[in-house]
Every structure is written in structure tokens, then in C-alpha cells.
Amino acid sequence: MGVFVFLPLVLPLTAWPVARLAAQHLHPRTATRLLTALAAVMATCSTVCLALLMVVGTAQLPGNPLPDGWSDPEVRAAVPYDEVAGRAAVPTLLAACAGTLWRHGRVRRRGHAALAGLPDTEVAVLPDDEPYAYALPGGPRGRVVVTTALLVHLEPAERRALFAHERAHLTARHHRYLLTVRLAARANPFLRPLRAAVAYTTERWADEAAAEAVGSRRAVARAIGRAALVSRGTPVPTLAGLAAPGPVPRRVAALLAPAPVTRAWPSAFTAVGLAAWTAAAGTALSAMSSANSAVTLALVLRAATPL
């Protein structure tokens, strides 16, 4: 096994080209699902790699409950550099992911607490001087939160586009995609470009859904541009919103262009297709490497376990 156990830690680099090209050339719905799946698989493979390091590294600690045979030199030779990486890797990983989940839950609790006392309607209008709007998941359908300060800056058609955009976030459950890629980036920092790409493609997905709902791509583009001029985004960056921070000009330009064509998978004879197939090959190689490492180490530990 040797140093190949570390291969899943660096293979997410193969997904960087598809993170950029998929966001530019694929339908936002397809790009979101593809990039989220890539991030989840590669993060899982990285976690398996770290778990293997932890097993052997923990076996070296005095007083550990693991069998003594697991600290034999033959076992340690199967996983190099276990003394440093194995003892610190998984505790750090668990702490980072736990922190992300805790912050995600706190944001949702604070959001629902702010709506206490308001009628239980699909849209909650807050009398706030700060202009913002966001989709708050939770409950059977979630809620759209918007302030009066933002509504006064929008025309009627733009208001309809705003509500359609936020409802699209809730209907497609974009918060799940965003949480998945956020956890994946915590598991492996090399996956951060995929997190940024999914944050953009979910907004584009909601833009296209809103354009279909109101029947005017220009109305959605105007709503995005006007909201971006008067708003600094949502009060909490983990919430999806119409004026979310990011490349607003790219979103507006995409809405002023023809609607994107839905394609299940790009052709390998295009730039985005080549990048997608490269990332897919890297993902498969990462998964096979992790599985091979897990099986090999399991056999080594079984052989070292006293009967």
C-alpha cells in the first residue's frame, strides 16, 4: 500500500477543471448535481484515507484499547508517516465538520426565531431597514423571508421574480447541496473550488427557474441587478438569496442570453466534456484507491490480531 494511501488526498485536484467549465457550459441543475456528487465522493475517499492513518497511528499510543499486534512494525510499514498524520487527522476532521453542522443548525434556528410571532405564511415580510431576502429551509415547505426595504426598490414584475427565485431555492432544496459541498471542503481543502462553484450554480439554477415561472428572463435579470445595488446580500452568508455575494454580472449576462440547453453529460470532444471525464476518472481512481487501501489494511490488521 505504502504512499498510495495518500492518493485520495490529492486526487480532488482533478476536479478543478470541471468546477469552472461545468459552471460555464452545463445547465445549472446538471452542474450542481454533478459537482456535488464529485465533492461528496472525493470527500468520502479522503476520509477513508485519514481513517486508515488514524487506526495505525492510534495503535502506537500507550493504553489504547486496540490489539497489541496492530502496532507491530509490519503493520506500521503498511501505512507510512502514521505517527504524525494518524493521530491528528481524524480528530481535526471531526471537529471541523461538527463545527460546520453546528453553525448550519444555529443559522436555521436563529432564522426561525426571528420569524416568531409572524403569520405562518409562505412569504414572511420583515419591517427592516436593511434590504435583503433569502430562502429559509425548515418545516413542510420552508419560508421566503424578505424585508420591506428591499421590496420598495423593486417593480411588481421584479417582485414576482424575487419570490419565484427564493421559492426555487426551497423547492429544489438547494441548502442540502450547499451543506454537502461545505462539509466536503472541510474534509479536504482541495475541494473548496467545488464549494464556490456549487454556490454559483445553485443561484443560476434558481435564476432559470424564476425566469420560467415569470416568463421573462429580463425581469429576473433586472431584479438581480437592482437587488445587488441596494443589498449587501443575506444577513448570514450560508443562506441562499437573490442578491447573494458572487459574480452578479455573470448571472445577469446569462439571463440576457438564450436559455441553457439541458444535457445529461457533455461530449468528450468538447473542453467541458474533457474536463468532466477527467474529473470522473479521478473520482473513480480515488474510490478504487481508497477501497484497495481499506481492504489491504483490513487484511494486515486481521493477520496481526492474536487469536
C-alpha atoms as a PDB file:
ATOM      1  CA  MET A   1       0.000   0.000   0.000  1.00  0.00           C
ATOM      2  CA  GLY A   2       2.714   2.493   1.024  1.00  0.00           C
ATOM      3  CA  VAL A   3       2.413   6.109  -0.034  1.00  0.00           C
ATOM      4  CA  PHE A   4      -0.521   5.269  -2.309  1.00  0.00           C
ATOM      5  CA  VAL A   5      -2.752   5.530   0.765  1.00  0.00           C
ATOM      6  CA  PHE A   6      -2.293   9.297   0.428  1.00  0.00           C
ATOM      7  CA  LEU A   7      -3.529   9.356  -3.179  1.00  0.00           C
ATOM      8  CA  PRO A   8      -7.177  10.170  -2.349  1.00  0.00           C
ATOM      9  CA  LEU A   9      -6.000  13.311  -0.534  1.00  0.00           C
ATOM     10  CA  VAL A  10      -4.665  14.931  -3.720  1.00  0.00           C
ATOM     11  CA  LEU A  11      -6.950  13.470  -6.395  1.00  0.00           C
ATOM     12  CA  PRO A  12      -9.585  16.227  -5.854  1.00  0.00           C
ATOM     13  CA  LEU A  13      -7.215  18.399  -7.895  1.00  0.00           C
ATOM     14  CA  THR A  14      -8.552  16.565 -10.961  1.00  0.00           C
ATOM     15  CA  ALA A  15     -11.994  18.108 -10.339  1.00  0.00           C
ATOM     16  CA  TRP A  16     -10.808  21.712 -10.544  1.00  0.00           C
ATOM     17  CA  PRO A  17     -11.204  21.996 -14.346  1.00  0.00           C
ATOM     18  CA  VAL A  18     -14.753  20.683 -14.275  1.00  0.00           C
ATOM     19  CA  ALA A  19     -15.680  23.025 -11.425  1.00  0.00           C
ATOM     20  CA  ARG A  20     -15.062  26.030 -13.648  1.00  0.00           C
ATOM     21  CA  LEU A  21     -16.132  24.634 -17.008  1.00  0.00           C
ATOM     22  CA  ALA A  22     -19.296  22.954 -15.740  1.00  0.00           C
ATOM     23  CA  ALA A  23     -20.465  26.221 -14.202  1.00  0.00           C
ATOM     24  CA  GLN A  24     -19.947  27.949 -17.551  1.00  0.00           C
ATOM     25  CA  HIS A  25     -21.201  25.385 -20.065  1.00  0.00           C
ATOM     26  CA  LEU A  26     -23.635  22.995 -18.377  1.00  0.00           C
ATOM     27  CA  HIS A  27     -27.211  23.644 -17.341  1.00  0.00           C
ATOM     28  CA  PRO A  28     -27.089  24.919 -13.730  1.00  0.00           C
ATOM     29  CA  ARG A  29     -29.181  21.995 -12.481  1.00  0.00           C
ATOM     30  CA  THR A  30     -26.861  19.440 -14.102  1.00  0.00           C
ATOM     31  CA  ALA A  31     -23.748  21.298 -12.947  1.00  0.00           C
ATOM     32  CA  THR A  32     -24.988  21.484  -9.350  1.00  0.00           C
ATOM     33  CA  ARG A  33     -25.744  17.781  -9.146  1.00  0.00           C
ATOM     34  CA  LEU A  34     -22.522  16.768 -10.901  1.00  0.00           C
ATOM     35  CA  LEU A  35     -20.229  18.925  -8.761  1.00  0.00           C
ATOM     36  CA  THR A  36     -21.989  17.987  -5.530  1.00  0.00           C
ATOM     37  CA  ALA A  37     -21.627  14.290  -6.344  1.00  0.00           C
ATOM     38  CA  LEU A  38     -17.937  14.738  -7.175  1.00  0.00           C
ATOM     39  CA  ALA A  39     -17.337  16.608  -3.931  1.00  0.00           C
ATOM     40  CA  ALA A  40     -19.178  14.026  -1.828  1.00  0.00           C
ATOM     41  CA  VAL A  41     -17.374  11.037  -3.353  1.00  0.00           C
ATOM     42  CA  MET A  42     -13.923  12.586  -3.138  1.00  0.00           C
ATOM     43  CA  ALA A  43     -14.500  13.782   0.419  1.00  0.00           C
ATOM     44  CA  THR A  44     -15.566  10.266   1.411  1.00  0.00           C
ATOM     45  CA  CYS A  45     -12.420   8.820  -0.139  1.00  0.00           C
ATOM     46  CA  SER A  46     -10.281  11.369   1.705  1.00  0.00           C
ATOM     47  CA  THR A  47     -11.991  10.459   4.974  1.00  0.00           C
ATOM     48  CA  VAL A  48     -11.299   6.757   4.403  1.00  0.00           C
ATOM     49  CA  CYS A  49      -7.658   7.624   3.831  1.00  0.00           C
ATOM     50  CA  LEU A  50      -7.493   9.575   7.081  1.00  0.00           C
ATOM     51  CA  ALA A  51      -9.292   6.823   8.975  1.00  0.00           C
ATOM     52  CA  LEU A  52      -6.676   4.311   7.838  1.00  0.00           C
ATOM     53  CA  LEU A  53      -3.959   6.593   9.123  1.00  0.00           C
ATOM     54  CA  MET A  54      -5.774   7.009  12.429  1.00  0.00           C
ATOM     55  CA  VAL A  55      -6.151   3.271  13.023  1.00  0.00           C
ATOM     56  CA  VAL A  56      -2.434   2.612  12.732  1.00  0.00           C
ATOM     57  CA  GLY A  57      -1.431   5.844  14.425  1.00  0.00           C
ATOM     58  CA  THR A  58      -3.713   5.271  17.403  1.00  0.00           C
ATOM     59  CA  ALA A  59      -2.309   1.789  17.884  1.00  0.00           C
ATOM     60  CA  GLN A  60       1.005   3.383  18.870  1.00  0.00           C
ATOM     61  CA  LEU A  61      -0.476   5.282  21.821  1.00  0.00           C
ATOM     62  CA  PRO A  62       0.008   3.744  25.278  1.00  0.00           C
ATOM     63  CA  GLY A  63      -3.155   2.482  26.936  1.00  0.00           C
ATOM     64  CA  ASN A  64      -5.170   2.275  23.712  1.00  0.00           C
ATOM     65  CA  PRO A  65      -7.865  -0.441  23.534  1.00  0.00           C
ATOM     66  CA  LEU A  66      -6.635  -1.803  20.193  1.00  0.00           C
ATOM     67  CA  PRO A  67      -4.906  -5.197  19.926  1.00  0.00           C
ATOM     68  CA  ASP A  68      -1.169  -5.080  20.578  1.00  0.00           C
ATOM     69  CA  GLY A  69      -0.456  -6.736  17.249  1.00  0.00           C
ATOM     70  CA  TRP A  70      -1.736  -3.643  15.429  1.00  0.00           C
ATOM     71  CA  SER A  71       1.362  -1.716  16.482  1.00  0.00           C
ATOM     72  CA  ASP A  72       3.798  -4.249  15.023  1.00  0.00           C
ATOM     73  CA  PRO A  73       6.418  -2.904  12.588  1.00  0.00           C
ATOM     74  CA  GLU A  74       4.810  -4.855   9.730  1.00  0.00           C
ATOM     75  CA  VAL A  75       1.537  -3.016  10.263  1.00  0.00           C
ATOM     76  CA  ARG A  76       3.228   0.361  10.592  1.00  0.00           C
ATOM     77  CA  ALA A  77       5.144  -0.280   7.376  1.00  0.00           C
ATOM     78  CA  ALA A  78       1.817  -0.631   5.521  1.00  0.00           C
ATOM     79  CA  VAL A  79       0.901   2.988   6.310  1.00  0.00           C
ATOM     80  CA  PRO A  80       3.847   5.423   6.273  1.00  0.00           C
ATOM     81  CA  TYR A  81       4.038   8.578   8.427  1.00  0.00           C
ATOM     82  CA  ASP A  82       1.362   7.270  10.771  1.00  0.00           C
ATOM     83  CA  GLU A  83       2.942   8.788  13.877  1.00  0.00           C
ATOM     84  CA  VAL A  84       2.054  12.371  12.910  1.00  0.00           C
ATOM     85  CA  ALA A  85      -0.802  12.145  10.436  1.00  0.00           C
ATOM     86  CA  GLY A  86      -2.717   9.311  12.051  1.00  0.00           C
ATOM     87  CA  ARG A  87      -3.030  10.849  15.491  1.00  0.00           C
ATOM     88  CA  ALA A  88      -4.163  14.288  14.364  1.00  0.00           C
ATOM     89  CA  ALA A  89      -6.025  13.739  11.085  1.00  0.00           C
ATOM     90  CA  VAL A  90      -9.431  12.368  12.056  1.00  0.00           C
ATOM     91  CA  PRO A  91      -9.898  14.376  15.294  1.00  0.00           C
ATOM     92  CA  THR A  92      -9.240  17.554  13.317  1.00  0.00           C
ATOM     93  CA  LEU A  93     -11.599  16.408  10.556  1.00  0.00           C
ATOM     94  CA  LEU A  94     -14.407  15.573  13.001  1.00  0.00           C
ATOM     95  CA  ALA A  95     -14.002  18.885  14.791  1.00  0.00           C
ATOM     96  CA  ALA A  96     -14.192  20.849  11.534  1.00  0.00           C
ATOM     97  CA  CYS A  97     -17.273  19.014  10.250  1.00  0.00           C
ATOM     98  CA  ALA A  98     -19.004  19.215  13.634  1.00  0.00           C
ATOM     99  CA  GLY A  99     -18.392  22.956  13.654  1.00  0.00           C
ATOM    100  CA  THR A 100     -19.920  23.313  10.190  1.00  0.00           C
ATOM    101  CA  LEU A 101     -23.030  21.331  11.174  1.00  0.00           C
ATOM    102  CA  TRP A 102     -23.402  23.311  14.384  1.00  0.00           C
ATOM    103  CA  ARG A 103     -23.185  26.648  12.577  1.00  0.00           C
ATOM    104  CA  HIS A 104     -25.670  25.428   9.953  1.00  0.00           C
ATOM    105  CA  GLY A 105     -28.147  24.445  12.661  1.00  0.00           C
ATOM    106  CA  ARG A 106     -27.618  27.710  14.552  1.00  0.00           C
ATOM    107  CA  VAL A 107     -28.334  29.766  11.417  1.00  0.00           C
ATOM    108  CA  ARG A 108     -31.601  27.927  10.840  1.00  0.00           C
ATOM    109  CA  ARG A 109     -32.638  28.265  14.495  1.00  0.00           C
ATOM    110  CA  ARG A 110     -31.875  31.983  14.508  1.00  0.00           C
ATOM    111  CA  GLY A 111     -33.762  32.447  11.260  1.00  0.00           C
ATOM    112  CA  HIS A 112     -36.895  30.743  12.559  1.00  0.00           C
ATOM    113  CA  ALA A 113     -36.631  32.578  15.890  1.00  0.00           C
ATOM    114  CA  ALA A 114     -36.624  35.908  14.023  1.00  0.00           C
ATOM    115  CA  LEU A 115     -39.964  34.948  12.448  1.00  0.00           C
ATOM    116  CA  ALA A 116     -41.629  34.098  15.761  1.00  0.00           C
ATOM    117  CA  GLY A 117     -44.961  35.869  16.071  1.00  0.00           C
ATOM    118  CA  LEU A 118     -45.419  36.398  12.347  1.00  0.00           C
ATOM    119  CA  PRO A 119     -48.230  34.642  10.439  1.00  0.00           C
ATOM    120  CA  ASP A 120     -47.281  31.169   9.213  1.00  0.00           C
ATOM    121  CA  THR A 121     -47.327  32.079   5.526  1.00  0.00           C
ATOM    122  CA  GLU A 122     -45.054  31.060   2.692  1.00  0.00           C
ATOM    123  CA  VAL A 123     -43.634  34.596   2.487  1.00  0.00           C
ATOM    124  CA  ALA A 124     -42.573  36.498   5.613  1.00  0.00           C
ATOM    125  CA  VAL A 125     -42.136  40.260   5.198  1.00  0.00           C
ATOM    126  CA  LEU A 126     -39.947  41.848   7.877  1.00  0.00           C
ATOM    127  CA  PRO A 127     -40.154  45.573   8.671  1.00  0.00           C
ATOM    128  CA  ASP A 128     -36.404  46.050   8.453  1.00  0.00           C
ATOM    129  CA  ASP A 129     -34.373  48.986   7.147  1.00  0.00           C
ATOM    130  CA  GLU A 130     -31.779  46.588   5.688  1.00  0.00           C
ATOM    131  CA  PRO A 131     -32.716  45.371   2.177  1.00  0.00           C
ATOM    132  CA  TYR A 132     -32.287  41.612   1.853  1.00  0.00           C
ATOM    133  CA  ALA A 133     -34.168  38.422   1.001  1.00  0.00           C
ATOM    134  CA  TYR A 134     -33.385  34.757   1.487  1.00  0.00           C
ATOM    135  CA  ALA A 135     -34.886  31.279   1.488  1.00  0.00           C
ATOM    136  CA  LEU A 136     -35.167  29.749   4.969  1.00  0.00           C
ATOM    137  CA  PRO A 137     -35.472  25.933   4.869  1.00  0.00           C
ATOM    138  CA  GLY A 138     -37.351  24.012   7.508  1.00  0.00           C
ATOM    139  CA  GLY A 139     -40.860  22.756   8.077  1.00  0.00           C
ATOM    140  CA  PRO A 140     -43.000  21.220   5.352  1.00  0.00           C
ATOM    141  CA  ARG A 141     -42.173  23.841   2.703  1.00  0.00           C
ATOM    142  CA  GLY A 142     -39.750  26.392   4.143  1.00  0.00           C
ATOM    143  CA  ARG A 143     -40.320  30.143   4.007  1.00  0.00           C
ATOM    144  CA  VAL A 144     -39.266  33.090   1.884  1.00  0.00           C
ATOM    145  CA  VAL A 145     -38.018  35.988   4.008  1.00  0.00           C
ATOM    146  CA  VAL A 146     -37.876  39.496   2.542  1.00  0.00           C
ATOM    147  CA  THR A 147     -37.670  42.963   4.067  1.00  0.00           C
ATOM    148  CA  THR A 148     -39.788  45.966   3.243  1.00  0.00           C
ATOM    149  CA  ALA A 149     -36.614  47.915   2.482  1.00  0.00           C
ATOM    150  CA  LEU A 150     -35.926  45.635  -0.499  1.00  0.00           C
ATOM    151  CA  LEU A 151     -39.492  45.451  -1.757  1.00  0.00           C
ATOM    152  CA  VAL A 152     -39.766  49.231  -2.137  1.00  0.00           C
ATOM    153  CA  HIS A 153     -36.859  49.183  -4.609  1.00  0.00           C
ATOM    154  CA  LEU A 154     -38.451  46.569  -6.900  1.00  0.00           C
ATOM    155  CA  GLU A 155     -41.117  46.880  -9.546  1.00  0.00           C
ATOM    156  CA  PRO A 156     -44.099  44.456  -9.449  1.00  0.00           C
ATOM    157  CA  ALA A 157     -42.566  42.165 -12.107  1.00  0.00           C
ATOM    158  CA  GLU A 158     -39.262  42.201 -10.253  1.00  0.00           C
ATOM    159  CA  ARG A 159     -41.012  41.295  -7.002  1.00  0.00           C
ATOM    160  CA  ARG A 160     -42.572  38.281  -8.689  1.00  0.00           C
ATOM    161  CA  ALA A 161     -39.121  37.300  -9.939  1.00  0.00           C
ATOM    162  CA  LEU A 162     -37.743  37.671  -6.403  1.00  0.00           C
ATOM    163  CA  PHE A 163     -40.372  35.391  -4.889  1.00  0.00           C
ATOM    164  CA  ALA A 164     -40.008  32.847  -7.700  1.00  0.00           C
ATOM    165  CA  HIS A 165     -36.216  32.799  -7.207  1.00  0.00           C
ATOM    166  CA  GLU A 166     -36.457  32.167  -3.475  1.00  0.00           C
ATOM    167  CA  ARG A 167     -39.170  29.536  -3.893  1.00  0.00           C
ATOM    168  CA  ALA A 168     -36.929  27.743  -6.384  1.00  0.00           C
ATOM    169  CA  HIS A 169     -34.234  27.509  -3.687  1.00  0.00           C
ATOM    170  CA  LEU A 170     -36.739  25.864  -1.352  1.00  0.00           C
ATOM    171  CA  THR A 171     -38.358  23.578  -3.931  1.00  0.00           C
ATOM    172  CA  ALA A 172     -35.027  22.196  -5.172  1.00  0.00           C
ATOM    173  CA  ARG A 173     -33.645  22.024  -1.602  1.00  0.00           C
ATOM    174  CA  HIS A 174     -30.503  23.892  -2.533  1.00  0.00           C
ATOM    175  CA  HIS A 175     -29.485  24.101   1.120  1.00  0.00           C
ATOM    176  CA  ARG A 176     -28.695  20.378   1.010  1.00  0.00           C
ATOM    177  CA  TYR A 177     -26.327  20.780  -1.925  1.00  0.00           C
ATOM    178  CA  LEU A 178     -24.648  23.738  -0.240  1.00  0.00           C
ATOM    179  CA  LEU A 179     -24.235  21.882   3.063  1.00  0.00           C
ATOM    180  CA  THR A 180     -22.822  18.826   1.287  1.00  0.00           C
ATOM    181  CA  VAL A 181     -20.118  20.762  -0.546  1.00  0.00           C
ATOM    182  CA  ARG A 182     -19.359  22.787   2.583  1.00  0.00           C
ATOM    183  CA  LEU A 183     -18.730  19.584   4.547  1.00  0.00           C
ATOM    184  CA  ALA A 184     -16.690  18.170   1.653  1.00  0.00           C
ATOM    185  CA  ALA A 185     -14.477  21.258   1.638  1.00  0.00           C
ATOM    186  CA  ARG A 186     -13.956  20.801   5.370  1.00  0.00           C
ATOM    187  CA  ALA A 187     -12.941  17.192   4.816  1.00  0.00           C
ATOM    188  CA  ASN A 188     -10.483  18.149   2.074  1.00  0.00           C
ATOM    189  CA  PRO A 189      -9.459  21.785   1.427  1.00  0.00           C
ATOM    190  CA  PHE A 190      -8.673  20.894  -2.190  1.00  0.00           C
ATOM    191  CA  LEU A 191     -12.457  20.739  -2.729  1.00  0.00           C
ATOM    192  CA  ARG A 192     -13.025  24.423  -1.973  1.00  0.00           C
ATOM    193  CA  PRO A 193     -13.263  25.371  -5.679  1.00  0.00           C
ATOM    194  CA  LEU A 194     -16.192  22.949  -5.976  1.00  0.00           C
ATOM    195  CA  ARG A 195     -17.875  24.622  -2.985  1.00  0.00           C
ATOM    196  CA  ALA A 196     -17.592  28.024  -4.664  1.00  0.00           C
ATOM    197  CA  ALA A 197     -18.815  26.612  -7.991  1.00  0.00           C
ATOM    198  CA  VAL A 198     -21.899  24.995  -6.424  1.00  0.00           C
ATOM    199  CA  ALA A 199     -22.728  28.240  -4.586  1.00  0.00           C
ATOM    200  CA  TYR A 200     -22.826  29.899  -8.019  1.00  0.00           C
ATOM    201  CA  THR A 201     -24.681  27.141  -9.885  1.00  0.00           C
ATOM    202  CA  THR A 202     -27.455  26.943  -7.269  1.00  0.00           C
ATOM    203  CA  GLU A 203     -28.073  30.659  -7.756  1.00  0.00           C
ATOM    204  CA  ARG A 204     -28.102  30.176 -11.536  1.00  0.00           C
ATOM    205  CA  TRP A 205     -30.475  27.230 -11.123  1.00  0.00           C
ATOM    206  CA  ALA A 206     -32.865  29.433  -9.147  1.00  0.00           C
ATOM    207  CA  ASP A 207     -32.458  32.209 -11.737  1.00  0.00           C
ATOM    208  CA  GLU A 208     -33.532  29.899 -14.557  1.00  0.00           C
ATOM    209  CA  ALA A 209     -36.443  28.521 -12.523  1.00  0.00           C
ATOM    210  CA  ALA A 210     -37.604  32.066 -11.773  1.00  0.00           C
ATOM    211  CA  ALA A 211     -37.345  33.015 -15.453  1.00  0.00           C
ATOM    212  CA  GLU A 212     -39.581  30.080 -16.375  1.00  0.00           C
ATOM    213  CA  ALA A 213     -42.065  30.937 -13.607  1.00  0.00           C
ATOM    214  CA  VAL A 214     -42.494  34.627 -14.509  1.00  0.00           C
ATOM    215  CA  GLY A 215     -41.996  34.146 -18.247  1.00  0.00           C
ATOM    216  CA  SER A 216     -39.377  36.880 -18.590  1.00  0.00           C
ATOM    217  CA  ARG A 217     -35.630  36.430 -18.353  1.00  0.00           C
ATOM    218  CA  ARG A 218     -35.129  40.192 -18.436  1.00  0.00           C
ATOM    219  CA  ALA A 219     -37.368  40.715 -15.414  1.00  0.00           C
ATOM    220  CA  VAL A 220     -35.254  38.294 -13.385  1.00  0.00           C
ATOM    221  CA  ALA A 221     -32.059  39.971 -14.632  1.00  0.00           C
ATOM    222  CA  ARG A 222     -33.388  43.385 -13.607  1.00  0.00           C
ATOM    223  CA  ALA A 223     -34.423  42.057 -10.182  1.00  0.00           C
ATOM    224  CA  ILE A 224     -30.973  40.594  -9.581  1.00  0.00           C
ATOM    225  CA  GLY A 225     -29.194  43.754 -10.690  1.00  0.00           C
ATOM    226  CA  ARG A 226     -31.423  46.090  -8.687  1.00  0.00           C
ATOM    227  CA  ALA A 227     -31.242  43.914  -5.558  1.00  0.00           C
ATOM    228  CA  ALA A 228     -27.459  43.723  -5.844  1.00  0.00           C
ATOM    229  CA  LEU A 229     -27.236  47.533  -5.999  1.00  0.00           C
ATOM    230  CA  VAL A 230     -29.194  48.127  -2.794  1.00  0.00           C
ATOM    231  CA  SER A 231     -28.336  44.985  -0.821  1.00  0.00           C
ATOM    232  CA  ARG A 232     -25.143  43.509   0.591  1.00  0.00           C
ATOM    233  CA  GLY A 233     -26.555  40.001   0.368  1.00  0.00           C
ATOM    234  CA  THR A 234     -28.237  37.901   3.033  1.00  0.00           C
ATOM    235  CA  PRO A 235     -27.579  38.653   6.716  1.00  0.00           C
ATOM    236  CA  VAL A 236     -25.949  35.235   7.054  1.00  0.00           C
ATOM    237  CA  PRO A 237     -23.682  34.076   4.177  1.00  0.00           C
ATOM    238  CA  THR A 238     -24.829  30.449   4.434  1.00  0.00           C
ATOM    239  CA  LEU A 239     -28.370  31.364   3.348  1.00  0.00           C
ATOM    240  CA  ALA A 240     -29.248  31.401  -0.344  1.00  0.00           C
ATOM    241  CA  GLY A 241     -30.670  34.656  -1.649  1.00  0.00           C
ATOM    242  CA  LEU A 242     -31.372  36.673  -4.781  1.00  0.00           C
ATOM    243  CA  ALA A 243     -28.531  39.137  -4.141  1.00  0.00           C
ATOM    244  CA  ALA A 244     -26.092  36.564  -2.810  1.00  0.00           C
ATOM    245  CA  PRO A 245     -22.449  37.641  -2.948  1.00  0.00           C
ATOM    246  CA  GLY A 246     -20.683  36.469  -6.061  1.00  0.00           C
ATOM    247  CA  PRO A 247     -20.447  37.120  -9.785  1.00  0.00           C
ATOM    248  CA  VAL A 248     -23.725  39.005 -10.225  1.00  0.00           C
ATOM    249  CA  PRO A 249     -22.693  40.345 -13.673  1.00  0.00           C
ATOM    250  CA  ARG A 250     -22.215  36.751 -14.889  1.00  0.00           C
ATOM    251  CA  ARG A 251     -25.696  35.825 -13.686  1.00  0.00           C
ATOM    252  CA  VAL A 252     -27.252  38.844 -15.360  1.00  0.00           C
ATOM    253  CA  ALA A 253     -25.365  38.176 -18.607  1.00  0.00           C
ATOM    254  CA  ALA A 254     -26.510  34.541 -18.569  1.00  0.00           C
ATOM    255  CA  LEU A 255     -30.141  35.630 -18.181  1.00  0.00           C
ATOM    256  CA  LEU A 256     -29.839  38.075 -21.073  1.00  0.00           C
ATOM    257  CA  ALA A 257     -28.554  35.217 -23.254  1.00  0.00           C
ATOM    258  CA  PRO A 258     -30.724  32.335 -24.551  1.00  0.00           C
ATOM    259  CA  ALA A 259     -31.789  29.715 -22.013  1.00  0.00           C
ATOM    260  CA  PRO A 260     -29.183  26.978 -21.474  1.00  0.00           C
ATOM    261  CA  VAL A 261     -29.739  23.596 -23.065  1.00  0.00           C
ATOM    262  CA  THR A 262     -30.222  20.681 -20.686  1.00  0.00           C
ATOM    263  CA  ARG A 263     -27.641  17.934 -21.279  1.00  0.00           C
ATOM    264  CA  ALA A 264     -27.211  14.844 -19.142  1.00  0.00           C
ATOM    265  CA  TRP A 265     -23.458  14.608 -19.806  1.00  0.00           C
ATOM    266  CA  PRO A 266     -21.166  16.669 -22.043  1.00  0.00           C
ATOM    267  CA  SER A 267     -19.448  15.189 -25.065  1.00  0.00           C
ATOM    268  CA  ALA A 268     -15.832  14.144 -24.559  1.00  0.00           C
ATOM    269  CA  PHE A 269     -14.920  16.073 -27.732  1.00  0.00           C
ATOM    270  CA  THR A 270     -15.583  19.454 -26.057  1.00  0.00           C
ATOM    271  CA  ALA A 271     -13.495  21.330 -23.486  1.00  0.00           C
ATOM    272  CA  VAL A 272     -16.047  20.904 -20.707  1.00  0.00           C
ATOM    273  CA  GLY A 273     -16.580  17.267 -21.668  1.00  0.00           C
ATOM    274  CA  LEU A 274     -12.864  16.535 -21.482  1.00  0.00           C
ATOM    275  CA  ALA A 275     -12.675  18.184 -18.065  1.00  0.00           C
ATOM    276  CA  ALA A 276     -15.745  16.299 -16.861  1.00  0.00           C
ATOM    277  CA  TRP A 277     -14.403  12.945 -17.984  1.00  0.00           C
ATOM    278  CA  THR A 278     -11.037  13.739 -16.370  1.00  0.00           C
ATOM    279  CA  ALA A 279     -12.747  14.523 -13.078  1.00  0.00           C
ATOM    280  CA  ALA A 280     -14.863  11.370 -13.348  1.00  0.00           C
ATOM    281  CA  ALA A 281     -11.731   9.284 -13.961  1.00  0.00           C
ATOM    282  CA  GLY A 282     -10.066  10.927 -10.971  1.00  0.00           C
ATOM    283  CA  THR A 283     -13.086  10.192  -8.813  1.00  0.00           C
ATOM    284  CA  ALA A 284     -13.141   6.538  -9.867  1.00  0.00           C
ATOM    285  CA  LEU A 285      -9.406   6.230  -9.259  1.00  0.00           C
ATOM    286  CA  SER A 286      -9.810   7.844  -5.849  1.00  0.00           C
ATOM    287  CA  ALA A 287     -12.596   5.468  -4.888  1.00  0.00           C
ATOM    288  CA  MET A 288     -10.650   2.410  -6.062  1.00  0.00           C
ATOM    289  CA  SER A 289      -7.517   3.595  -4.263  1.00  0.00           C
ATOM    290  CA  SER A 290      -9.429   4.092  -1.027  1.00  0.00           C
ATOM    291  CA  ALA A 291     -11.139   0.712  -1.318  1.00  0.00           C
ATOM    292  CA  ASN A 292      -7.863  -1.024  -2.092  1.00  0.00           C
ATOM    293  CA  SER A 293      -6.174   0.654   0.867  1.00  0.00           C
ATOM    294  CA  ALA A 294      -9.034  -0.239   3.207  1.00  0.00           C
ATOM    295  CA  VAL A 295      -9.104  -3.888   2.151  1.00  0.00           C
ATOM    296  CA  THR A 296      -5.313  -4.213   2.305  1.00  0.00           C
ATOM    297  CA  LEU A 297      -5.079  -2.689   5.760  1.00  0.00           C
ATOM    298  CA  ALA A 298      -8.010  -4.781   6.997  1.00  0.00           C
ATOM    299  CA  LEU A 299      -6.177  -7.932   5.893  1.00  0.00           C
ATOM    300  CA  VAL A 300      -2.962  -6.729   7.548  1.00  0.00           C
ATOM    301  CA  LEU A 301      -4.755  -5.972  10.822  1.00  0.00           C
ATOM    302  CA  ARG A 302      -6.565  -9.297  10.714  1.00  0.00           C
ATOM    303  CA  ALA A 303      -3.263 -11.112  10.266  1.00  0.00           C
ATOM    304  CA  ALA A 304      -1.773  -9.154  13.179  1.00  0.00           C
ATOM    305  CA  THR A 305      -4.714  -9.817  15.507  1.00  0.00           C
ATOM    306  CA  PRO A 306      -3.959 -12.559  18.035  1.00  0.00           C
ATOM    307  CA  LEU A 307      -6.364 -15.448  18.014  1.00  0.00           C
END
